[in-house]
Amino acid sequence: MTCDVPRSTLFVPASRRDLFVKAAEGSAEAICLDLEDGVDAAAKAEARKNLAAGCQAAAASDKWAMVRINSEPGLFELDLEALPASCDAVVLPKVRDVDHLNHVAGLLEHRSNSGPRKTRLIGLIEDAKALLELERRFCPVHPGVLAVCPGTEDFATTLGCDPESVLILSVFRRIAVLASAMDVALLGFPGSIADFTDLEKLRSKLSYARQCGGRGALAIHPAQIKIINQEFSPSIADLEHANKVIDAYEAGLLKNRGAIAVDGKMVDLPVYKRAVSLVARMQSTASADWRKG
């Protein structure tokens, strides 16, 4: 596992051991074993017993091993207790507010102190009340929080709209700003995760997410993974320009110049930092799936 944030995360029901190896052999950078919506209530206890095998399969393929737990009291505690030591991240659905995020991240930190690796937290924001609470009571988040992601299907249901509506676009933009303020990664895209047949529409939604600062997305079908990896990879042209900016700016610093021109555009410190960040993300990517410039 070499990437700092996975570009692509494939959900697999934790009740389906037959899918673990197949998912691990694919090109997703993370495998998320689902204990929540993807598992019937009667099968959750058995699904918890499969977590170690699923996380081991992901780790053996140098992928992130994730688990989406249930947020309801009773189920939450059982899911947390069942997490194997090889779990890299927990996906928390139905985040209520920043206290909820920080509390769960703290529990994972305490658990990680006695294990071989840190378990990070990804929060799913799935309703308007949670978004308003996170915006209203904004405060620093626990360092164990890796990312936030809109749960567009649930969000659309609570709003009474379609996940492809313009209202969800507005929700996504607000969560993008929130993620930046929290200094965590933004995952996901504005649209239906359930539609895995219209891949061109998916590409358009991913492009929008990337322009909002998105770093990766979740998937429910292997057919979605290749496009997700491509869209969240810098293009060859972007990388060439970023390296050109870095070289020119650093050369300018040697001449005591805080701003220089590259291809007819001014380059100062913020532009330089964006270029450095883009190259760093490329270097941390687990595999090279280049987009065309």
C-alpha atoms as a PDB file:
ATOM      1  CA  MET A   1       0.000   0.000   0.000  1.00  0.00           C
ATOM      2  CA  THR A   2       1.944   3.003  -1.265  1.00  0.00           C
ATOM      3  CA  CYS A   3      -0.705   5.688  -1.917  1.00  0.00           C
ATOM      4  CA  ASP A   4      -1.565   8.242   0.798  1.00  0.00           C
ATOM      5  CA  VAL A   5      -5.232   8.246  -0.221  1.00  0.00           C
ATOM      6  CA  PRO A   6      -6.663   5.538  -2.466  1.00  0.00           C
ATOM      7  CA  ARG A   7      -8.008   6.728  -5.803  1.00  0.00           C
ATOM      8  CA  SER A   8     -10.463   3.851  -6.053  1.00  0.00           C
ATOM      9  CA  THR A   9     -12.260   1.901  -3.338  1.00  0.00           C
ATOM     10  CA  LEU A  10     -14.377  -1.122  -4.241  1.00  0.00           C
ATOM     11  CA  PHE A  11     -17.150  -2.147  -1.865  1.00  0.00           C
ATOM     12  CA  VAL A  12     -17.557  -5.873  -1.287  1.00  0.00           C
ATOM     13  CA  PRO A  13     -20.241  -7.315   1.025  1.00  0.00           C
ATOM     14  CA  ALA A  14     -18.423  -8.817   4.001  1.00  0.00           C
ATOM     15  CA  SER A  15     -20.838 -11.728   3.778  1.00  0.00           C
ATOM     16  CA  ARG A  16     -19.428 -12.757   0.367  1.00  0.00           C
ATOM     17  CA  ARG A  17     -16.126 -14.526   0.998  1.00  0.00           C
ATOM     18  CA  ASP A  18     -16.207 -15.743  -2.612  1.00  0.00           C
ATOM     19  CA  LEU A  19     -15.650 -12.164  -3.795  1.00  0.00           C
ATOM     20  CA  PHE A  20     -12.661 -11.295  -1.581  1.00  0.00           C
ATOM     21  CA  VAL A  21      -9.893 -12.814  -3.706  1.00  0.00           C
ATOM     22  CA  LYS A  22     -11.492 -11.675  -6.952  1.00  0.00           C
ATOM     23  CA  ALA A  23     -11.700  -8.094  -5.682  1.00  0.00           C
ATOM     24  CA  ALA A  24      -8.114  -8.185  -4.410  1.00  0.00           C
ATOM     25  CA  GLU A  25      -6.896  -9.314  -7.840  1.00  0.00           C
ATOM     26  CA  GLY A  26      -8.515  -6.305  -9.514  1.00  0.00           C
ATOM     27  CA  SER A  27      -7.169  -2.792 -10.003  1.00  0.00           C
ATOM     28  CA  ALA A  28      -8.940  -1.045  -7.113  1.00  0.00           C
ATOM     29  CA  GLU A  29      -6.464   0.526  -4.703  1.00  0.00           C
ATOM     30  CA  ALA A  30      -8.690  -0.234  -1.711  1.00  0.00           C
ATOM     31  CA  ILE A  31     -11.132  -2.994  -0.832  1.00  0.00           C
ATOM     32  CA  CYS A  32     -13.906  -2.005   1.560  1.00  0.00           C
ATOM     33  CA  LEU A  33     -15.646  -4.882   3.294  1.00  0.00           C
ATOM     34  CA  ASP A  34     -19.199  -3.720   3.866  1.00  0.00           C
ATOM     35  CA  LEU A  35     -21.038  -4.532   7.076  1.00  0.00           C
ATOM     36  CA  GLU A  36     -23.760  -1.929   6.550  1.00  0.00           C
ATOM     37  CA  ASP A  37     -26.143  -1.592   3.586  1.00  0.00           C
ATOM     38  CA  GLY A  38     -24.579  -4.443   1.610  1.00  0.00           C
ATOM     39  CA  VAL A  39     -25.339  -7.042   4.287  1.00  0.00           C
ATOM     40  CA  ASP A  40     -28.761  -8.213   5.447  1.00  0.00           C
ATOM     41  CA  ALA A  41     -29.421  -7.889   9.171  1.00  0.00           C
ATOM     42  CA  ALA A  42     -29.546 -11.661   9.586  1.00  0.00           C
ATOM     43  CA  ALA A  43     -26.101 -12.064   7.982  1.00  0.00           C
ATOM     44  CA  LYS A  44     -24.182  -9.355   9.867  1.00  0.00           C
ATOM     45  CA  ALA A  45     -22.858 -11.629  12.627  1.00  0.00           C
ATOM     46  CA  GLU A  46     -21.457 -14.079  10.095  1.00  0.00           C
ATOM     47  CA  ALA A  47     -20.073 -11.224   8.003  1.00  0.00           C
ATOM     48  CA  ARG A  48     -18.020  -9.978  10.958  1.00  0.00           C
ATOM     49  CA  LYS A  49     -16.292 -13.350  11.099  1.00  0.00           C
ATOM     50  CA  ASN A  50     -15.097 -12.825   7.516  1.00  0.00           C
ATOM     51  CA  LEU A  51     -13.327  -9.515   8.133  1.00  0.00           C
ATOM     52  CA  ALA A  52      -9.910 -10.997   8.894  1.00  0.00           C
ATOM     53  CA  ALA A  53      -9.887 -13.054   5.680  1.00  0.00           C
ATOM     54  CA  GLY A  54     -11.054 -10.103   3.596  1.00  0.00           C
ATOM     55  CA  CYS A  55      -8.496  -7.680   5.036  1.00  0.00           C
ATOM     56  CA  GLN A  56      -5.758 -10.278   4.616  1.00  0.00           C
ATOM     57  CA  ALA A  57      -6.673 -10.717   0.940  1.00  0.00           C
ATOM     58  CA  ALA A  58      -6.454  -6.953   0.400  1.00  0.00           C
ATOM     59  CA  ALA A  59      -3.147  -6.637   2.259  1.00  0.00           C
ATOM     60  CA  ALA A  60      -1.645  -9.549   0.313  1.00  0.00           C
ATOM     61  CA  SER A  61      -2.298  -7.576  -2.887  1.00  0.00           C
ATOM     62  CA  ASP A  62      -0.800  -4.363  -1.431  1.00  0.00           C
ATOM     63  CA  LYS A  63      -4.204  -2.695  -1.240  1.00  0.00           C
ATOM     64  CA  TRP A  64      -5.892  -0.684   1.462  1.00  0.00           C
ATOM     65  CA  ALA A  65      -8.047  -2.923   3.650  1.00  0.00           C
ATOM     66  CA  MET A  66     -11.160  -1.046   4.753  1.00  0.00           C
ATOM     67  CA  VAL A  67     -14.351  -1.887   6.609  1.00  0.00           C
ATOM     68  CA  ARG A  68     -17.623   0.022   6.474  1.00  0.00           C
ATOM     69  CA  ILE A  69     -19.221  -0.425   9.862  1.00  0.00           C
ATOM     70  CA  ASN A  70     -22.754   0.270  11.066  1.00  0.00           C
ATOM     71  CA  SER A  71     -23.347   3.497  12.972  1.00  0.00           C
ATOM     72  CA  GLU A  72     -26.371   2.305  14.976  1.00  0.00           C
ATOM     73  CA  PRO A  73     -25.782   1.623  18.701  1.00  0.00           C
ATOM     74  CA  GLY A  74     -25.391  -2.077  19.334  1.00  0.00           C
ATOM     75  CA  LEU A  75     -24.183  -2.867  15.837  1.00  0.00           C
ATOM     76  CA  PHE A  76     -21.488  -0.174  16.030  1.00  0.00           C
ATOM     77  CA  GLU A  77     -19.830  -1.704  19.099  1.00  0.00           C
ATOM     78  CA  LEU A  78     -19.919  -5.223  17.679  1.00  0.00           C
ATOM     79  CA  ASP A  79     -18.431  -4.071  14.373  1.00  0.00           C
ATOM     80  CA  LEU A  80     -15.644  -2.143  16.073  1.00  0.00           C
ATOM     81  CA  GLU A  81     -14.764  -5.102  18.258  1.00  0.00           C
ATOM     82  CA  ALA A  82     -14.586  -7.378  15.203  1.00  0.00           C
ATOM     83  CA  LEU A  83     -12.091  -5.199  13.287  1.00  0.00           C
ATOM     84  CA  PRO A  84      -8.902  -7.142  12.486  1.00  0.00           C
ATOM     85  CA  ALA A  85      -5.491  -5.627  13.149  1.00  0.00           C
ATOM     86  CA  SER A  86      -4.898  -5.476   9.394  1.00  0.00           C
ATOM     87  CA  CYS A  87      -7.704  -2.948   8.839  1.00  0.00           C
ATOM     88  CA  ASP A  88      -6.234   0.278   7.414  1.00  0.00           C
ATOM     89  CA  ALA A  89      -9.366   2.422   7.477  1.00  0.00           C
ATOM     90  CA  VAL A  90     -12.914   2.402   8.759  1.00  0.00           C
ATOM     91  CA  VAL A  91     -15.713   3.953   6.716  1.00  0.00           C
ATOM     92  CA  LEU A  92     -18.243   5.496   9.110  1.00  0.00           C
ATOM     93  CA  PRO A  93     -21.717   6.014   7.629  1.00  0.00           C
ATOM     94  CA  LYS A  94     -24.223   8.638   8.744  1.00  0.00           C
ATOM     95  CA  VAL A  95     -21.759  11.008  10.393  1.00  0.00           C
ATOM     96  CA  ARG A  96     -23.741  13.314  12.693  1.00  0.00           C
ATOM     97  CA  ASP A  97     -21.264  16.102  13.484  1.00  0.00           C
ATOM     98  CA  VAL A  98     -17.600  16.786  14.195  1.00  0.00           C
ATOM     99  CA  ASP A  99     -17.887  15.291  17.697  1.00  0.00           C
ATOM    100  CA  HIS A 100     -19.075  12.040  16.148  1.00  0.00           C
ATOM    101  CA  LEU A 101     -16.102  11.994  13.772  1.00  0.00           C
ATOM    102  CA  ASN A 102     -13.599  12.802  16.495  1.00  0.00           C
ATOM    103  CA  HIS A 103     -15.051  10.279  18.938  1.00  0.00           C
ATOM    104  CA  VAL A 104     -14.793   7.381  16.496  1.00  0.00           C
ATOM    105  CA  ALA A 105     -11.334   8.480  15.319  1.00  0.00           C
ATOM    106  CA  GLY A 106     -10.246   8.512  18.968  1.00  0.00           C
ATOM    107  CA  LEU A 107     -11.542   4.987  19.491  1.00  0.00           C
ATOM    108  CA  LEU A 108      -9.597   3.829  16.446  1.00  0.00           C
ATOM    109  CA  GLU A 109      -6.449   5.579  17.684  1.00  0.00           C
ATOM    110  CA  HIS A 110      -6.716   3.797  21.032  1.00  0.00           C
ATOM    111  CA  ARG A 111      -7.181   0.519  19.196  1.00  0.00           C
ATOM    112  CA  SER A 112      -4.222   1.219  16.900  1.00  0.00           C
ATOM    113  CA  ASN A 113      -1.880   1.865  19.839  1.00  0.00           C
ATOM    114  CA  SER A 114      -1.944  -1.849  20.594  1.00  0.00           C
ATOM    115  CA  GLY A 115      -1.697  -2.988  16.964  1.00  0.00           C
ATOM    116  CA  PRO A 116       0.824  -3.046  14.109  1.00  0.00           C
ATOM    117  CA  ARG A 117      -0.691  -0.189  12.090  1.00  0.00           C
ATOM    118  CA  LYS A 118      -2.853   2.898  12.352  1.00  0.00           C
ATOM    119  CA  THR A 119      -6.507   2.606  11.424  1.00  0.00           C
ATOM    120  CA  ARG A 120      -7.754   5.804   9.782  1.00  0.00           C
ATOM    121  CA  LEU A 121     -11.327   7.074   9.492  1.00  0.00           C
ATOM    122  CA  ILE A 122     -13.389   8.067   6.444  1.00  0.00           C
ATOM    123  CA  GLY A 123     -16.657   9.806   7.247  1.00  0.00           C
ATOM    124  CA  LEU A 124     -19.744   9.577   5.051  1.00  0.00           C
ATOM    125  CA  ILE A 125     -21.916  12.708   5.164  1.00  0.00           C
ATOM    126  CA  GLU A 126     -25.377  11.519   4.212  1.00  0.00           C
ATOM    127  CA  ASP A 127     -27.983  14.079   5.212  1.00  0.00           C
ATOM    128  CA  ALA A 128     -28.559  17.832   5.351  1.00  0.00           C
ATOM    129  CA  LYS A 129     -28.658  18.023   9.154  1.00  0.00           C
ATOM    130  CA  ALA A 130     -25.182  16.488   9.412  1.00  0.00           C
ATOM    131  CA  LEU A 131     -23.777  18.875   6.806  1.00  0.00           C
ATOM    132  CA  LEU A 132     -25.254  21.891   8.581  1.00  0.00           C
ATOM    133  CA  GLU A 133     -23.914  20.694  11.937  1.00  0.00           C
ATOM    134  CA  LEU A 134     -20.432  20.173  10.507  1.00  0.00           C
ATOM    135  CA  GLU A 135     -20.490  23.675   9.003  1.00  0.00           C
ATOM    136  CA  ARG A 136     -22.046  25.338  12.070  1.00  0.00           C
ATOM    137  CA  ARG A 137     -19.741  23.848  14.675  1.00  0.00           C
ATOM    138  CA  PHE A 138     -16.590  23.679  12.615  1.00  0.00           C
ATOM    139  CA  CYS A 139     -13.512  22.876  14.683  1.00  0.00           C
ATOM    140  CA  PRO A 140     -10.282  20.922  14.159  1.00  0.00           C
ATOM    141  CA  VAL A 141     -10.755  17.245  13.464  1.00  0.00           C
ATOM    142  CA  HIS A 142      -8.843  14.333  14.956  1.00  0.00           C
ATOM    143  CA  PRO A 143      -5.635  13.584  12.991  1.00  0.00           C
ATOM    144  CA  GLY A 144      -6.935  10.079  12.417  1.00  0.00           C
ATOM    145  CA  VAL A 145      -9.644  11.386  10.076  1.00  0.00           C
ATOM    146  CA  LEU A 146      -8.393  10.679   6.559  1.00  0.00           C
ATOM    147  CA  ALA A 147     -11.271  11.878   4.384  1.00  0.00           C
ATOM    148  CA  VAL A 148     -14.919  12.811   4.104  1.00  0.00           C
ATOM    149  CA  CYS A 149     -17.246  11.676   1.358  1.00  0.00           C
ATOM    150  CA  PRO A 150     -20.859  12.475   0.460  1.00  0.00           C
ATOM    151  CA  GLY A 151     -23.218   9.523   0.586  1.00  0.00           C
ATOM    152  CA  THR A 152     -25.164  10.758  -2.413  1.00  0.00           C
ATOM    153  CA  GLU A 153     -27.802   8.023  -2.509  1.00  0.00           C
ATOM    154  CA  ASP A 154     -28.842   8.593   1.118  1.00  0.00           C
ATOM    155  CA  PHE A 155     -28.443  12.359   0.789  1.00  0.00           C
ATOM    156  CA  ALA A 156     -30.752  12.455  -2.229  1.00  0.00           C
ATOM    157  CA  THR A 157     -33.329  10.330  -0.410  1.00  0.00           C
ATOM    158  CA  THR A 158     -33.418  12.640   2.617  1.00  0.00           C
ATOM    159  CA  LEU A 159     -33.643  15.707   0.363  1.00  0.00           C
ATOM    160  CA  GLY A 160     -36.382  14.148  -1.756  1.00  0.00           C
ATOM    161  CA  CYS A 161     -34.463  14.548  -4.996  1.00  0.00           C
ATOM    162  CA  ASP A 162     -32.626  12.441  -7.557  1.00  0.00           C
ATOM    163  CA  PRO A 163     -28.889  11.797  -6.933  1.00  0.00           C
ATOM    164  CA  GLU A 164     -28.203  13.312 -10.356  1.00  0.00           C
ATOM    165  CA  SER A 165     -29.960  16.610  -9.513  1.00  0.00           C
ATOM    166  CA  VAL A 166     -28.330  20.046  -9.393  1.00  0.00           C
ATOM    167  CA  LEU A 167     -29.034  20.111  -5.652  1.00  0.00           C
ATOM    168  CA  ILE A 168     -26.557  17.262  -5.155  1.00  0.00           C
ATOM    169  CA  LEU A 169     -23.983  19.279  -7.122  1.00  0.00           C
ATOM    170  CA  SER A 170     -24.405  22.058  -4.569  1.00  0.00           C
ATOM    171  CA  VAL A 171     -24.075  19.570  -1.700  1.00  0.00           C
ATOM    172  CA  PHE A 172     -20.861  18.198  -3.193  1.00  0.00           C
ATOM    173  CA  ARG A 173     -19.327  21.663  -3.514  1.00  0.00           C
ATOM    174  CA  ARG A 174     -20.103  22.440   0.115  1.00  0.00           C
ATOM    175  CA  ILE A 175     -18.551  19.180   1.280  1.00  0.00           C
ATOM    176  CA  ALA A 176     -15.503  19.981  -0.866  1.00  0.00           C
ATOM    177  CA  VAL A 177     -15.054  23.287   0.991  1.00  0.00           C
ATOM    178  CA  LEU A 178     -15.602  21.517   4.312  1.00  0.00           C
ATOM    179  CA  ALA A 179     -12.951  18.905   3.495  1.00  0.00           C
ATOM    180  CA  SER A 180     -10.443  21.624   2.652  1.00  0.00           C
ATOM    181  CA  ALA A 181     -11.176  23.477   5.888  1.00  0.00           C
ATOM    182  CA  MET A 182     -10.743  20.247   7.844  1.00  0.00           C
ATOM    183  CA  ASP A 183      -7.492  19.514   5.979  1.00  0.00           C
ATOM    184  CA  VAL A 184      -8.719  16.058   4.986  1.00  0.00           C
ATOM    185  CA  ALA A 185      -9.151  14.454   1.584  1.00  0.00           C
ATOM    186  CA  LEU A 186     -12.353  14.671  -0.432  1.00  0.00           C
ATOM    187  CA  LEU A 187     -13.639  11.402  -1.851  1.00  0.00           C
ATOM    188  CA  GLY A 188     -16.683  10.604  -3.957  1.00  0.00           C
ATOM    189  CA  PHE A 189     -18.551  12.328  -6.788  1.00  0.00           C
ATOM    190  CA  PRO A 190     -21.910  14.058  -7.288  1.00  0.00           C
ATOM    191  CA  GLY A 191     -24.156  11.387  -8.712  1.00  0.00           C
ATOM    192  CA  SER A 192     -25.465   7.879  -8.276  1.00  0.00           C
ATOM    193  CA  ILE A 193     -22.888   5.283  -7.241  1.00  0.00           C
ATOM    194  CA  ALA A 194     -25.444   2.609  -8.147  1.00  0.00           C
ATOM    195  CA  ASP A 195     -25.331   3.300 -11.901  1.00  0.00           C
ATOM    196  CA  PHE A 196     -22.393   1.182 -13.101  1.00  0.00           C
ATOM    197  CA  THR A 197     -23.505   0.796 -16.733  1.00  0.00           C
ATOM    198  CA  ASP A 198     -23.225   4.394 -18.006  1.00  0.00           C
ATOM    199  CA  LEU A 199     -19.470   4.783 -17.738  1.00  0.00           C
ATOM    200  CA  GLU A 200     -19.282   7.997 -19.760  1.00  0.00           C
ATOM    201  CA  LYS A 201     -21.668   9.696 -17.353  1.00  0.00           C
ATOM    202  CA  LEU A 202     -19.488   8.391 -14.538  1.00  0.00           C
ATOM    203  CA  ARG A 203     -16.416   9.896 -16.194  1.00  0.00           C
ATOM    204  CA  SER A 204     -18.154  13.272 -16.380  1.00  0.00           C
ATOM    205  CA  LYS A 205     -19.082  13.135 -12.686  1.00  0.00           C
ATOM    206  CA  LEU A 206     -15.546  12.122 -11.713  1.00  0.00           C
ATOM    207  CA  SER A 207     -14.105  14.986 -13.741  1.00  0.00           C
ATOM    208  CA  TYR A 208     -16.360  17.393 -11.832  1.00  0.00           C
ATOM    209  CA  ALA A 209     -15.226  15.883  -8.524  1.00  0.00           C
ATOM    210  CA  ARG A 210     -11.578  16.224  -9.509  1.00  0.00           C
ATOM    211  CA  GLN A 211     -12.105  19.894 -10.360  1.00  0.00           C
ATOM    212  CA  CYS A 212     -13.551  20.345  -6.844  1.00  0.00           C
ATOM    213  CA  GLY A 213     -10.363  18.899  -5.345  1.00  0.00           C
ATOM    214  CA  GLY A 214     -11.472  15.286  -5.124  1.00  0.00           C
ATOM    215  CA  ARG A 215      -8.773  12.687  -4.589  1.00  0.00           C
ATOM    216  CA  GLY A 216     -10.669   9.445  -5.232  1.00  0.00           C
ATOM    217  CA  ALA A 217     -14.057   7.753  -5.326  1.00  0.00           C
ATOM    218  CA  LEU A 218     -15.981   4.752  -4.085  1.00  0.00           C
ATOM    219  CA  ALA A 219     -17.346   2.042  -6.387  1.00  0.00           C
ATOM    220  CA  ILE A 220     -19.792  -0.825  -6.143  1.00  0.00           C
ATOM    221  CA  HIS A 221     -18.762  -2.625  -9.347  1.00  0.00           C
ATOM    222  CA  PRO A 222     -15.356  -3.538 -10.853  1.00  0.00           C
ATOM    223  CA  ALA A 223     -16.383  -1.900 -14.152  1.00  0.00           C
ATOM    224  CA  GLN A 224     -16.146   1.503 -12.452  1.00  0.00           C
ATOM    225  CA  ILE A 225     -12.574   1.107 -11.225  1.00  0.00           C
ATOM    226  CA  LYS A 226     -10.538   1.744 -14.380  1.00  0.00           C
ATOM    227  CA  ILE A 227     -12.258   5.052 -15.083  1.00  0.00           C
ATOM    228  CA  ILE A 228     -11.939   6.146 -11.446  1.00  0.00           C
ATOM    229  CA  ASN A 229      -8.197   5.426 -11.470  1.00  0.00           C
ATOM    230  CA  GLN A 230      -7.774   7.302 -14.749  1.00  0.00           C
ATOM    231  CA  GLU A 231      -9.735  10.370 -13.702  1.00  0.00           C
ATOM    232  CA  PHE A 232      -7.897  10.754 -10.414  1.00  0.00           C
ATOM    233  CA  SER A 233      -4.487  10.400 -12.037  1.00  0.00           C
ATOM    234  CA  PRO A 234      -2.712  13.539 -13.254  1.00  0.00           C
ATOM    235  CA  SER A 235      -2.511  13.795 -17.018  1.00  0.00           C
ATOM    236  CA  ILE A 236       0.878  13.646 -18.725  1.00  0.00           C
ATOM    237  CA  ALA A 237       0.425  17.276 -19.762  1.00  0.00           C
ATOM    238  CA  ASP A 238      -0.417  18.303 -16.187  1.00  0.00           C
ATOM    239  CA  LEU A 239       2.695  16.582 -14.832  1.00  0.00           C
ATOM    240  CA  GLU A 240       4.974  18.052 -17.479  1.00  0.00           C
ATOM    241  CA  HIS A 241       3.656  21.539 -16.744  1.00  0.00           C
ATOM    242  CA  ALA A 242       3.935  21.036 -12.969  1.00  0.00           C
ATOM    243  CA  ASN A 243       7.581  19.993 -13.246  1.00  0.00           C
ATOM    244  CA  LYS A 244       8.243  22.972 -15.517  1.00  0.00           C
ATOM    245  CA  VAL A 245       6.700  25.300 -12.929  1.00  0.00           C
ATOM    246  CA  ILE A 246       8.728  23.744 -10.106  1.00  0.00           C
ATOM    247  CA  ASP A 247      12.021  24.008 -11.988  1.00  0.00           C
ATOM    248  CA  ALA A 248      11.381  27.604 -13.079  1.00  0.00           C
ATOM    249  CA  TYR A 249      10.235  28.805  -9.670  1.00  0.00           C
ATOM    250  CA  GLU A 250      13.145  27.206  -7.808  1.00  0.00           C
ATOM    251  CA  ALA A 251      15.554  28.696 -10.341  1.00  0.00           C
ATOM    252  CA  GLY A 252      13.938  32.080  -9.729  1.00  0.00           C
ATOM    253  CA  LEU A 253      14.426  31.755  -5.975  1.00  0.00           C
ATOM    254  CA  LEU A 254      18.159  31.458  -6.541  1.00  0.00           C
ATOM    255  CA  LYS A 255      17.952  34.913  -8.108  1.00  0.00           C
ATOM    256  CA  ASN A 256      15.812  36.254  -5.259  1.00  0.00           C
ATOM    257  CA  ARG A 257      12.671  36.315  -7.392  1.00  0.00           C
ATOM    258  CA  GLY A 258       9.427  35.464  -5.631  1.00  0.00           C
ATOM    259  CA  ALA A 259       7.426  35.409  -8.844  1.00  0.00           C
ATOM    260  CA  ILE A 260       8.351  34.390 -12.379  1.00  0.00           C
ATOM    261  CA  ALA A 261       6.561  33.738 -15.662  1.00  0.00           C
ATOM    262  CA  VAL A 262       5.950  30.301 -17.192  1.00  0.00           C
ATOM    263  CA  ASP A 263       4.210  30.017 -20.561  1.00  0.00           C
ATOM    264  CA  GLY A 264       2.898  33.556 -20.287  1.00  0.00           C
ATOM    265  CA  LYS A 265       1.417  33.124 -16.794  1.00  0.00           C
ATOM    266  CA  MET A 266       2.659  34.368 -13.468  1.00  0.00           C
ATOM    267  CA  VAL A 267       3.964  31.742 -11.058  1.00  0.00           C
ATOM    268  CA  ASP A 268       4.232  32.682  -7.388  1.00  0.00           C
ATOM    269  CA  LEU A 269       4.263  30.648  -4.173  1.00  0.00           C
ATOM    270  CA  PRO A 270       0.643  29.356  -4.268  1.00  0.00           C
ATOM    271  CA  VAL A 271       1.048  28.192  -7.876  1.00  0.00           C
ATOM    272  CA  TYR A 272       4.346  26.532  -6.988  1.00  0.00           C
ATOM    273  CA  LYS A 273       2.756  24.742  -4.022  1.00  0.00           C
ATOM    274  CA  ARG A 274      -0.034  23.375  -6.234  1.00  0.00           C
ATOM    275  CA  ALA A 275       2.549  22.034  -8.666  1.00  0.00           C
ATOM    276  CA  VAL A 276       4.523  20.367  -5.862  1.00  0.00           C
ATOM    277  CA  SER A 277       1.323  18.822  -4.470  1.00  0.00           C
ATOM    278  CA  LEU A 278       0.355  17.409  -7.868  1.00  0.00           C
ATOM    279  CA  VAL A 279       3.752  15.782  -8.394  1.00  0.00           C
ATOM    280  CA  ALA A 280       3.716  14.392  -4.850  1.00  0.00           C
ATOM    281  CA  ARG A 281       0.318  12.777  -5.456  1.00  0.00           C
ATOM    282  CA  MET A 282       1.628  11.194  -8.639  1.00  0.00           C
ATOM    283  CA  GLN A 283       4.621   9.774  -6.802  1.00  0.00           C
ATOM    284  CA  SER A 284       2.414   8.300  -4.061  1.00  0.00           C
ATOM    285  CA  THR A 285       0.079   6.615  -6.518  1.00  0.00           C
ATOM    286  CA  ALA A 286       0.237   2.845  -6.362  1.00  0.00           C
ATOM    287  CA  SER A 287       0.084   2.370 -10.136  1.00  0.00           C
ATOM    288  CA  ALA A 288       0.376   4.537 -13.238  1.00  0.00           C
ATOM    289  CA  ASP A 289      -2.965   5.000 -14.998  1.00  0.00           C
ATOM    290  CA  TRP A 290      -2.332   8.129 -17.004  1.00  0.00           C
ATOM    291  CA  ARG A 291      -5.058  10.297 -18.440  1.00  0.00           C
ATOM    292  CA  LYS A 292      -4.537  11.884 -21.823  1.00  0.00           C
ATOM    293  CA  GLY A 293      -3.623  15.551 -21.681  1.00  0.00           C
END
